[in-house]
C-alpha cells in the first residue's frame, strides 16, 4: 500500500481513499438522507398529531391531507407528460438551437404543472384561489378606492382575509390591475400565476447559461421542466413570486454578462432587473432572503458601475411608489407580525418540529436528483467564492468564467442559504410547500452540475411529483 508524506510534518499519511469517502459515496449518502429525512418528518408529524400536539395540519409537515383514494383516470395526463418528457426532453434539449430552449422550458413546465393539477379536474386550476382565505376574496375591499385601501392598509390589516393579512399589498394590487385590464375572475388570476411560475424554468436556464455556459443550461432544462415542485405551481400565488424573482435574477445575469453586448442592452436589462427585484419585498415579507440569489449572480461577474447604477435605479421604483402611496414597509412587517402572533393558526406550530420538517418538505419539492448533486454544488460554490475573493483582492480586471460547476452552483447555494435563514428564524413554520417555491426552483440547477444526466434520475424526479399528487390533497 502506497503512503504519502505530509509536506508539513513529514509523517506518512493514509491514502486519500481512506481519508475521505469518494464523491460517489457522498452522493449516494445524500440521497439516503433525503429519503430518510422525508420519511422521518412524516412519521414524527403523525405521532405528534396523534398525541394532539400538532392539530393545525392534517398531514404534517404538509398543510394538506392524505387522499382517501388516489385519482385514477385523472392522473393519465400527468403520466403521459412525464413519460414523454423523460423519453424526449434529454435528446430534444441537446439538438434544439438555444433561442428555442427557453420557450420550450417555459411551455414544458406549464404543461407539467397543469397536467398534475387537472388530476382533480379542470376546476382545480382556479379552485385554490376561490378559497375565502385567499387574495381574490379581499378584492371587494380594494375596488371602491385603491388609493385609500393602500393608504390605510396597515391600520385596517386585521379586517382582511388570511393571505392578505400575511403579505404586503402588492399581490392585491396586481390582481386589481388584472381586473382593470379586462381579465377579471380567478380563472384569469390562475392563468397569470401558472404562466409566471412556469416561466421560471426559462429564466433559470437563461441564468445558468450566463453563469456556466450553454452546456450546463441545456443539461438543467429537463430537470427544470419535470420538477416535483410543479405540484404547487398550479395554483399558488407564491408561483407568481417565483416568476418575478427568477426573471429579476435572469435580467441581472444578462446585464452583467461577459459576452459582448451593446451598452444600452446591458443598462436596459439592469433597469428591468431592478424593477422586478424591487417588487419582491412588497410581494412577500419572506422574500427578502431571496436577494442572496441575484447577489450570487453578481459576485463572480464584477459588473461595470453603470450597470450597478441602472440596477439600483430600477430597484427603488416600486418601493418609492408604494411608500408615496402611504404604505410604509416596516410598519407592515410589524402589523403582520402582530396579527400572526395573536392568530390561532401557524403561530402555534412547533418550532422544534418544523425547523427540521420544513427541510424535509424542501426535499419533496426538489426531488432525489437534486439531493444526489447537492454535495458537488456546495463544493463548487465554496470554490467560486474563494476565487471571487481572490479576484477582489487583485487589480481590477474582468474575471474569468468560473466554469460550469462553480458558476451555476452559486445561485443554488445562495437559495439554500436564504431558506435556512427563514427556517432558523422561525418565520416559516409549516405551509412551506408554497413558501419555498421562489427559492427551491434555483436548487434544480444543481442537477446539471457533474451530477445525474441519466433518464433514470429524470424519471425519479417525475415519479416524486406523481406520487405526491396521487397521495396528497393540497389546498394549493
Protein backbone atom coordinates (compact mmCIF):
# COMPACT_ATOMS: atom_id res chain seq x y z
CA UNK A 1 0.00 0.00 0.00
CA UNK A 2 1.43 3.36 -1.04
CA UNK A 3 1.57 6.10 1.58
CA UNK A 4 2.28 9.78 1.01
CA UNK A 5 4.34 12.00 3.26
CA UNK A 6 2.68 15.03 4.79
CA UNK A 7 4.61 18.09 3.48
CA UNK A 8 4.39 19.83 6.89
CA UNK A 9 5.09 17.02 9.37
CA UNK A 10 6.92 14.53 7.19
CA UNK A 11 4.74 11.76 8.54
CA UNK A 12 3.24 9.14 6.29
CA UNK A 13 -0.45 9.65 5.66
CA UNK A 14 -3.15 7.16 4.74
CA UNK A 15 -4.26 7.01 1.13
CA UNK A 16 -6.81 9.59 0.05
CA UNK A 17 -9.43 6.88 -0.39
CA UNK A 18 -9.18 6.13 3.37
CA UNK A 19 -9.04 9.75 4.49
CA UNK A 20 -12.31 10.72 2.86
CA UNK A 21 -15.19 8.98 1.11
CA UNK A 22 -15.46 9.07 -2.65
CA UNK A 23 -17.73 11.52 -4.43
CA UNK A 24 -19.97 8.63 -5.47
CA UNK A 25 -20.41 7.53 -1.85
CA UNK A 26 -21.20 11.08 -0.73
CA UNK A 27 -23.82 11.46 -3.46
CA UNK A 28 -25.41 8.14 -2.55
CA UNK A 29 -25.41 9.14 1.11
CA UNK A 30 -27.14 12.40 0.25
CA UNK A 31 -29.97 10.51 -1.46
CA UNK A 32 -30.32 8.23 1.58
CA UNK A 33 -30.51 11.28 3.86
CA UNK A 34 -33.10 12.82 1.50
CA UNK A 35 -35.36 9.77 1.71
CA UNK A 36 -34.85 9.19 5.43
CA UNK A 37 -35.47 12.85 6.25
CA UNK A 38 -38.80 12.90 4.40
CA UNK A 39 -39.91 9.63 5.99
CA UNK A 40 -38.91 10.81 9.46
CA UNK A 41 -40.73 14.14 9.08
CA UNK A 42 -44.00 12.41 8.19
CA UNK A 43 -43.57 9.75 10.88
CA UNK A 44 -42.90 12.30 13.63
CA UNK A 45 -45.71 14.50 12.34
CA UNK A 46 -48.12 11.56 12.51
CA UNK A 47 -47.15 10.82 16.10
CA UNK A 48 -47.42 14.48 17.12
CA UNK A 49 -50.86 14.76 15.59
CA UNK A 50 -51.98 11.52 17.21
CA UNK A 51 -50.83 12.91 20.57
CA UNK A 52 -52.77 16.14 19.97
CA UNK A 53 -49.61 18.25 19.72
CA UNK A 54 -49.91 19.17 16.02
CA UNK A 55 -53.51 19.90 15.16
CA UNK A 56 -53.04 22.76 12.68
CA UNK A 57 -52.30 20.43 9.76
CA UNK A 58 -53.95 17.17 8.78
CA UNK A 59 -50.73 15.76 7.28
CA UNK A 60 -47.73 17.46 8.89
CA UNK A 61 -45.29 18.68 7.70
CA UNK A 62 -47.56 19.48 4.71
CA UNK A 63 -50.57 21.76 5.01
CA UNK A 64 -52.64 19.11 3.28
CA UNK A 65 -54.40 15.84 3.89
CA UNK A 66 -53.94 12.28 2.72
CA UNK A 67 -56.31 11.29 -0.05
CA UNK A 68 -58.93 8.66 0.73
CA UNK A 69 -58.07 7.10 -2.60
CA UNK A 70 -55.66 8.20 -5.35
CA UNK A 71 -57.15 9.65 -8.53
CA UNK A 72 -57.13 7.10 -11.32
CA UNK A 73 -58.12 8.37 -14.75
CA UNK A 74 -57.35 11.92 -13.67
CA UNK A 75 -53.64 11.05 -13.38
CA UNK A 76 -53.38 9.96 -17.01
CA UNK A 77 -52.44 13.43 -18.40
CA UNK A 78 -49.63 13.78 -15.86
CA UNK A 79 -48.41 10.24 -16.53
CA UNK A 80 -48.40 10.95 -20.27
CA UNK A 81 -46.47 14.21 -19.86
CA UNK A 82 -43.97 12.50 -17.53
CA UNK A 83 -43.38 9.60 -19.93
CA UNK A 84 -43.00 11.92 -22.93
CA UNK A 85 -40.72 14.26 -21.02
CA UNK A 86 -38.39 11.52 -19.81
CA UNK A 87 -38.25 9.98 -23.28
CA UNK A 88 -37.89 13.14 -25.36
CA UNK A 89 -36.50 16.04 -23.32
CA UNK A 90 -32.84 14.94 -22.93
CA UNK A 91 -32.42 14.46 -26.69
CA UNK A 92 -34.54 17.49 -27.57
CA UNK A 93 -32.56 19.96 -25.46
CA UNK A 94 -29.30 18.77 -27.00
CA UNK A 95 -30.50 19.36 -30.57
CA UNK A 96 -32.64 22.49 -30.49
CA UNK A 97 -31.00 25.86 -31.14
CA UNK A 98 -30.54 27.82 -27.94
CA UNK A 99 -33.08 30.52 -28.84
CA UNK A 100 -35.80 27.84 -28.83
CA UNK A 101 -34.89 26.32 -25.47
CA UNK A 102 -36.26 28.96 -23.04
CA UNK A 103 -39.72 28.90 -24.69
CA UNK A 104 -39.63 25.08 -24.68
CA UNK A 105 -38.68 25.06 -20.99
CA UNK A 106 -41.50 27.51 -20.21
CA UNK A 107 -44.11 25.57 -22.19
CA UNK A 108 -42.95 22.23 -20.78
CA UNK A 109 -43.04 23.42 -17.17
CA UNK A 110 -46.52 24.93 -17.68
CA UNK A 111 -47.80 21.73 -19.26
CA UNK A 112 -46.36 19.66 -16.42
CA UNK A 113 -47.92 21.86 -13.70
CA UNK A 114 -51.32 21.90 -15.41
CA UNK A 115 -51.28 18.14 -16.08
CA UNK A 116 -50.59 17.48 -12.40
CA UNK A 117 -53.32 19.85 -11.23
CA UNK A 118 -56.08 18.55 -13.51
CA UNK A 119 -55.85 15.16 -11.83
CA UNK A 120 -58.58 16.70 -9.65
CA UNK A 121 -60.48 18.10 -12.62
CA UNK A 122 -60.15 21.33 -14.64
CA UNK A 123 -61.65 23.30 -11.76
CA UNK A 124 -58.55 22.53 -9.68
CA UNK A 125 -56.61 25.15 -11.66
CA UNK A 126 -58.56 28.11 -10.28
CA UNK A 127 -60.09 26.34 -7.27
CA UNK A 128 -57.31 27.25 -4.80
CA UNK A 129 -57.85 30.96 -5.47
CA UNK A 130 -61.59 30.64 -4.80
CA UNK A 131 -60.98 29.90 -1.12
CA UNK A 132 -62.31 32.58 1.30
CA UNK A 133 -58.84 32.91 2.84
CA UNK A 134 -57.15 33.80 -0.47
CA UNK A 135 -56.36 37.14 -2.13
CA UNK A 136 -59.29 37.38 -4.58
CA UNK A 137 -61.74 37.22 -1.66
CA UNK A 138 -60.36 40.56 -0.49
CA UNK A 139 -60.74 42.40 -3.80
CA UNK A 140 -64.16 43.77 -2.82
CA UNK A 141 -62.48 45.82 -0.07
CA UNK A 142 -59.96 47.23 -2.54
CA UNK A 143 -62.19 48.08 -5.53
CA UNK A 144 -64.01 51.20 -4.32
CA UNK A 145 -60.81 53.21 -3.74
CA UNK A 146 -57.41 51.50 -4.28
CA UNK A 147 -55.54 54.63 -3.16
CA UNK A 148 -57.42 54.72 0.14
CA UNK A 149 -57.01 50.96 0.54
CA UNK A 150 -53.23 51.29 0.16
CA UNK A 151 -53.00 54.31 2.43
CA UNK A 152 -54.89 52.54 5.25
CA UNK A 153 -53.61 49.03 4.54
CA UNK A 154 -51.61 48.64 7.74
CA UNK A 155 -54.14 50.09 10.16
CA UNK A 156 -57.02 48.02 8.73
CA UNK A 157 -55.00 44.84 8.33
CA UNK A 158 -56.98 42.82 10.86
CA UNK A 159 -60.12 43.03 8.76
CA UNK A 160 -58.64 41.42 5.64
CA UNK A 161 -58.53 37.79 4.53
CA UNK A 162 -55.81 35.47 5.83
CA UNK A 163 -53.38 35.74 2.93
CA UNK A 164 -53.87 39.49 2.55
CA UNK A 165 -53.04 39.92 6.26
CA UNK A 166 -49.90 37.84 5.87
CA UNK A 167 -48.42 39.76 2.93
CA UNK A 168 -47.63 43.27 1.72
CA UNK A 169 -50.19 44.95 -0.58
CA UNK A 170 -48.57 44.34 -3.97
CA UNK A 171 -50.20 40.93 -4.74
CA UNK A 172 -53.62 42.50 -4.30
CA UNK A 173 -52.69 45.45 -6.50
CA UNK A 174 -51.54 43.02 -9.21
CA UNK A 175 -54.92 41.26 -9.15
CA UNK A 176 -56.72 44.62 -9.24
CA UNK A 177 -54.67 45.69 -12.28
CA UNK A 178 -55.56 42.37 -13.94
CA UNK A 179 -59.24 43.20 -13.43
CA UNK A 180 -58.73 46.72 -14.78
CA UNK A 181 -57.14 45.20 -17.88
CA UNK A 182 -60.42 43.38 -18.56
CA UNK A 183 -59.37 39.99 -17.16
CA UNK A 184 -61.49 39.53 -14.02
CA UNK A 185 -62.09 36.40 -12.01
CA UNK A 186 -59.98 33.65 -10.51
CA UNK A 187 -59.61 31.90 -13.88
CA UNK A 188 -57.53 34.74 -15.26
CA UNK A 189 -55.69 35.09 -11.96
CA UNK A 190 -54.81 31.38 -12.11
CA UNK A 191 -53.60 31.77 -15.69
CA UNK A 192 -51.31 34.61 -14.62
CA UNK A 193 -49.94 32.64 -11.67
CA UNK A 194 -49.28 29.48 -13.69
CA UNK A 195 -47.70 31.41 -16.58
CA UNK A 196 -45.43 33.36 -14.24
CA UNK A 197 -44.44 30.36 -12.13
CA UNK A 198 -43.69 28.07 -15.07
CA UNK A 199 -41.71 30.82 -16.83
CA UNK A 200 -39.13 30.47 -14.06
CA UNK A 201 -37.84 27.36 -15.88
CA UNK A 202 -36.84 29.58 -18.80
CA UNK A 203 -35.43 32.32 -16.56
CA UNK A 204 -33.26 29.90 -14.58
CA UNK A 205 -32.00 28.29 -17.80
CA UNK A 206 -31.00 31.74 -19.10
CA UNK A 207 -29.22 32.49 -15.82
CA UNK A 208 -27.33 29.19 -15.82
CA UNK A 209 -26.20 29.82 -19.39
CA UNK A 210 -24.76 33.19 -18.42
CA UNK A 211 -23.01 31.80 -15.37
CA UNK A 212 -21.84 28.39 -16.53
CA UNK A 213 -22.27 28.15 -20.27
CA UNK A 214 -24.75 26.67 -22.67
CA UNK A 215 -23.90 23.05 -21.99
CA UNK A 216 -24.82 23.37 -18.30
CA UNK A 217 -28.01 25.25 -19.18
CA UNK A 218 -29.08 22.54 -21.63
CA UNK A 219 -28.42 19.86 -19.01
CA UNK A 220 -30.56 21.76 -16.49
CA UNK A 221 -33.65 22.21 -18.69
CA UNK A 222 -35.19 18.70 -18.33
CA UNK A 223 -34.91 18.94 -14.54
CA UNK A 224 -36.41 22.43 -14.54
CA UNK A 225 -39.38 21.17 -16.59
CA UNK A 226 -40.22 17.93 -14.73
CA UNK A 227 -39.66 19.38 -11.28
CA UNK A 228 -41.59 17.93 -8.32
CA UNK A 229 -42.43 21.47 -7.23
CA UNK A 230 -44.70 21.66 -10.28
CA UNK A 231 -47.37 20.19 -7.98
CA UNK A 232 -47.64 23.61 -6.31
CA UNK A 233 -47.08 25.88 -9.31
CA UNK A 234 -50.74 25.34 -10.27
CA UNK A 235 -52.07 27.14 -8.33
CA UNK A 236 -50.38 29.05 -5.53
CA UNK A 237 -49.78 32.80 -5.59
CA UNK A 238 -46.23 32.06 -4.50
CA UNK A 239 -45.66 30.79 -8.05
CA UNK A 240 -46.14 34.40 -9.17
CA UNK A 241 -43.42 35.43 -6.71
CA UNK A 242 -41.22 32.67 -8.14
CA UNK A 243 -41.56 34.08 -11.66
CA UNK A 244 -40.85 37.67 -10.60
CA UNK A 245 -37.72 36.68 -8.66
CA UNK A 246 -36.45 34.33 -11.38
CA UNK A 247 -36.73 36.89 -14.18
CA UNK A 248 -35.25 39.62 -11.99
CA UNK A 249 -32.23 37.39 -11.46
CA UNK A 250 -32.05 36.36 -15.13
CA UNK A 251 -32.01 40.02 -16.21
CA UNK A 252 -29.31 40.66 -13.62
CA UNK A 253 -27.22 37.92 -15.21
CA UNK A 254 -27.80 39.36 -18.70
CA UNK A 255 -26.85 42.85 -17.53
CA UNK A 256 -23.61 41.55 -16.02
CA UNK A 257 -22.88 39.15 -18.91
CA UNK A 258 -19.32 38.54 -20.05
CA UNK A 259 -20.13 38.09 -23.70
CA UNK A 260 -20.12 41.19 -25.94
CA UNK A 261 -23.33 43.18 -25.77
CA UNK A 262 -24.47 46.70 -26.55
CA UNK A 263 -24.11 49.02 -23.52
CA UNK A 264 -27.72 50.09 -23.96
CA UNK A 265 -28.90 46.49 -23.75
CA UNK A 266 -26.95 45.96 -20.54
CA UNK A 267 -28.45 49.08 -18.98
CA UNK A 268 -31.99 48.15 -20.05
CA UNK A 269 -31.57 44.67 -18.60
CA UNK A 270 -30.24 46.15 -15.36
CA UNK A 271 -33.18 48.54 -15.03
CA UNK A 272 -35.65 45.71 -15.71
CA UNK A 273 -33.88 43.53 -13.16
CA UNK A 274 -34.09 46.28 -10.58
CA UNK A 275 -37.79 46.84 -11.21
CA UNK A 276 -38.62 43.16 -10.72
CA UNK A 277 -36.33 42.63 -7.75
CA UNK A 278 -37.70 45.77 -6.12
CA UNK A 279 -41.13 44.10 -6.15
CA UNK A 280 -40.02 41.14 -4.04
CA UNK A 281 -40.28 42.63 -0.52
CA UNK A 282 -43.69 44.07 -1.45
CA UNK A 283 -44.99 40.71 -2.70
CA UNK A 284 -44.00 38.81 0.44
CA UNK A 285 -42.04 39.80 3.53
CA UNK A 286 -40.33 36.42 3.44
CA UNK A 287 -38.73 37.11 0.05
CA UNK A 288 -36.05 39.39 1.47
CA UNK A 289 -33.52 36.50 1.75
CA UNK A 290 -34.11 35.75 -1.94
CA UNK A 291 -31.84 38.71 -2.75
CA UNK A 292 -28.98 36.32 -1.98
CA UNK A 293 -29.58 34.72 -5.41
CA UNK A 294 -29.06 37.82 -7.63
CA UNK A 295 -26.20 38.80 -5.33
CA UNK A 296 -24.59 35.44 -6.08
CA UNK A 297 -25.03 36.12 -9.79
CA UNK A 298 -23.26 39.47 -9.48
CA UNK A 299 -20.43 38.15 -7.29
CA UNK A 300 -18.29 36.50 -9.99
CA UNK A 301 -19.25 38.98 -12.73
CA UNK A 302 -17.93 42.22 -11.23
CA UNK A 303 -20.21 44.32 -13.49
CA UNK A 304 -19.42 47.85 -14.59
CA UNK A 305 -20.51 50.80 -12.40
CA UNK A 306 -23.08 51.91 -14.99
CA UNK A 307 -24.79 48.52 -14.73
CA UNK A 308 -24.89 48.72 -10.94
CA UNK A 309 -26.26 52.26 -11.11
CA UNK A 310 -29.02 51.19 -13.51
CA UNK A 311 -29.84 48.22 -11.30
CA UNK A 312 -30.08 50.47 -8.27
CA UNK A 313 -32.26 52.98 -10.12
CA UNK A 314 -34.74 50.27 -11.08
CA UNK A 315 -34.64 48.78 -7.60
CA UNK A 316 -36.08 51.86 -5.88
CA UNK A 317 -39.04 52.45 -8.22
CA UNK A 318 -41.62 50.13 -6.66
CA UNK A 319 -40.62 50.84 -3.03
CA UNK A 320 -40.75 54.57 -3.72
CA UNK A 321 -44.16 54.34 -5.41
CA UNK A 322 -45.76 52.30 -2.63
CA UNK A 323 -44.19 54.45 0.06
CA UNK A 324 -45.53 57.57 -1.66
CA UNK A 325 -48.93 55.85 -1.76
CA UNK A 326 -48.92 55.58 2.02
CA UNK A 327 -47.59 52.08 2.72
CA UNK A 328 -44.51 52.08 4.95
CA UNK A 329 -42.86 48.65 4.73
CA UNK A 330 -41.50 48.42 8.33
CA UNK A 331 -44.97 49.24 9.69
CA UNK A 332 -46.41 46.49 7.50
CA UNK A 333 -43.93 43.97 8.91
CA UNK A 334 -44.82 44.90 12.48
CA UNK A 335 -48.58 44.79 11.85
CA UNK A 336 -48.33 41.42 10.11
CA UNK A 337 -46.23 40.02 12.95
CA UNK A 338 -48.83 41.20 15.47
CA UNK A 339 -51.68 39.52 13.60
CA UNK A 340 -49.54 36.38 13.21
CA UNK A 341 -48.85 36.13 16.94
CA UNK A 342 -52.46 36.59 18.01
CA UNK A 343 -53.81 34.15 15.40
CA UNK A 344 -54.70 30.58 16.27
CA UNK A 345 -53.03 29.16 13.19
CA UNK A 346 -49.42 28.84 12.12
CA UNK A 347 -48.05 30.75 15.14
CA UNK A 348 -48.98 27.73 17.28
CA UNK A 349 -46.94 25.27 15.25
CA UNK A 350 -43.94 23.67 16.96
CA UNK A 351 -40.63 25.36 16.11
CA UNK A 352 -38.68 22.29 17.24
CA UNK A 353 -40.52 20.07 14.76
CA UNK A 354 -40.83 22.38 11.78
CA UNK A 355 -37.24 23.65 11.86
CA UNK A 356 -36.32 20.18 10.59
CA UNK A 357 -39.58 19.15 8.91
CA UNK A 358 -39.58 22.22 6.66
CA UNK A 359 -36.30 20.98 5.19
CA UNK A 360 -37.93 17.62 4.51
CA UNK A 361 -40.65 19.44 2.57
CA UNK A 362 -37.87 21.12 0.59
CA UNK A 363 -36.68 17.61 -0.27
CA UNK A 364 -40.11 16.81 -1.70
CA UNK A 365 -40.08 20.00 -3.76
CA UNK A 366 -36.70 19.40 -5.39
CA UNK A 367 -36.53 15.61 -5.64
CA UNK A 368 -33.79 12.98 -5.37
CA UNK A 369 -31.74 14.23 -8.34
CA UNK A 370 -31.01 17.50 -6.54
CA UNK A 371 -30.12 15.63 -3.35
CA UNK A 372 -27.70 13.50 -5.40
CA UNK A 373 -26.00 16.54 -6.93
CA UNK A 374 -26.05 18.88 -3.94
CA UNK A 375 -22.70 17.84 -2.39
CA UNK A 376 -20.93 18.79 -5.62
CA UNK A 377 -22.85 22.06 -5.80
CA UNK A 378 -21.75 23.03 -2.29
CA UNK A 379 -18.11 22.26 -3.03
CA UNK A 380 -18.27 24.15 -6.32
CA UNK A 381 -19.87 27.18 -4.65
CA UNK A 382 -17.14 27.29 -1.99
CA UNK A 383 -14.52 27.19 -4.75
CA UNK A 384 -16.27 30.01 -6.62
CA UNK A 385 -16.47 32.22 -3.51
CA UNK A 386 -12.76 31.71 -2.84
CA UNK A 387 -11.96 32.58 -6.44
CA UNK A 388 -14.11 35.70 -6.28
CA UNK A 389 -12.46 36.78 -3.02
CA UNK A 390 -9.01 36.44 -4.59
CA UNK A 391 -10.18 38.41 -7.61
CA UNK A 392 -11.45 41.25 -5.41
CA UNK A 393 -8.05 41.50 -3.74
CA UNK A 394 -6.29 41.64 -7.10
CA UNK A 395 -6.12 44.52 -9.58
CA UNK A 396 -9.49 45.31 -11.22
CA UNK A 397 -9.92 43.28 -14.37
CA UNK A 398 -12.65 41.22 -15.95
CA UNK A 399 -12.85 37.96 -14.01
CA UNK A 400 -12.70 34.72 -15.94
CA UNK A 401 -15.72 32.50 -16.16
CA UNK A 402 -15.89 30.26 -13.11
CA UNK A 403 -16.77 27.25 -15.25
CA UNK A 404 -19.81 25.01 -15.44
CA UNK A 405 -19.61 23.77 -11.86
CA UNK A 406 -18.94 26.79 -9.67
CA UNK A 407 -20.80 29.25 -11.89
CA UNK A 408 -24.22 27.62 -11.59
CA UNK A 409 -23.58 26.38 -8.05
CA UNK A 410 -23.54 29.90 -6.61
CA UNK A 411 -27.28 30.67 -7.01
CA UNK A 412 -28.09 27.11 -5.91
CA UNK A 413 -26.30 27.58 -2.60
CA UNK A 414 -27.50 31.18 -2.24
CA UNK A 415 -31.10 29.93 -2.41
CA UNK A 416 -30.31 27.29 0.20
CA UNK A 417 -28.82 29.92 2.49
CA UNK A 418 -31.94 32.05 2.09
CA UNK A 419 -34.21 29.14 3.02
CA UNK A 420 -32.05 28.20 6.00
CA UNK A 421 -32.22 31.79 7.26
CA UNK A 422 -36.02 31.75 7.09
CA UNK A 423 -36.20 28.29 8.62
CA UNK A 424 -33.94 29.02 11.59
CA UNK A 425 -35.64 32.36 12.24
CA UNK A 426 -38.95 30.64 12.88
CA UNK A 427 -40.73 32.91 10.41
CA UNK A 428 -41.68 29.86 8.36
CA UNK A 429 -43.36 27.11 10.35
CA UNK A 430 -45.37 24.94 8.01
CA UNK A 431 -47.01 25.67 4.66
CA UNK A 432 -43.54 25.87 3.13
CA UNK A 433 -44.56 23.76 0.14
CA UNK A 434 -45.68 27.10 -1.35
CA UNK A 435 -43.37 29.45 0.59
CA UNK A 436 -40.22 27.63 -0.60
CA UNK A 437 -41.20 27.86 -4.30
CA UNK A 438 -39.26 31.06 -5.19
CA UNK A 439 -36.14 29.61 -3.53
CA UNK A 440 -36.38 25.89 -4.25
CA UNK A 441 -36.59 26.28 -8.03
CA UNK A 442 -32.99 27.54 -8.09
CA UNK A 443 -31.68 24.36 -6.49
CA UNK A 444 -32.94 22.38 -9.51
CA UNK A 445 -29.95 23.72 -11.44
CA UNK A 446 -27.75 21.55 -9.22
CA UNK A 447 -28.91 18.50 -11.19
CA UNK A 448 -26.82 19.73 -14.13
CA UNK A 449 -23.55 20.06 -12.19
CA UNK A 450 -21.36 16.99 -12.60
CA UNK A 451 -24.36 15.11 -11.41
CA UNK A 452 -27.05 12.86 -12.80
CA UNK A 453 -27.56 13.11 -16.55
CA UNK A 454 -29.40 9.79 -16.85
CA UNK A 455 -33.04 9.47 -17.80
CA UNK A 456 -33.41 7.36 -14.67
CA UNK A 457 -32.81 10.41 -12.48
CA UNK A 458 -35.22 12.48 -14.55
CA UNK A 459 -37.78 9.69 -14.17
CA UNK A 460 -37.19 9.74 -10.41
CA UNK A 461 -37.99 13.45 -10.36
CA UNK A 462 -41.23 12.93 -12.27
CA UNK A 463 -42.14 9.93 -10.10
CA UNK A 464 -41.74 12.06 -6.96
CA UNK A 465 -44.21 14.62 -8.28
CA UNK A 466 -46.67 11.93 -9.41
CA UNK A 467 -46.53 10.22 -6.02
CA UNK A 468 -47.21 13.47 -4.16
CA UNK A 469 -50.11 14.36 -6.47
CA UNK A 470 -51.61 10.88 -6.17
CA UNK A 471 -51.37 10.62 -2.39
CA UNK A 472 -51.73 14.18 -1.11
CA UNK A 473 -54.66 16.58 -1.47
CA UNK A 474 -53.31 20.11 -1.12
CA UNK A 475 -55.32 23.34 -0.91
CA UNK A 476 -52.89 24.83 -3.45
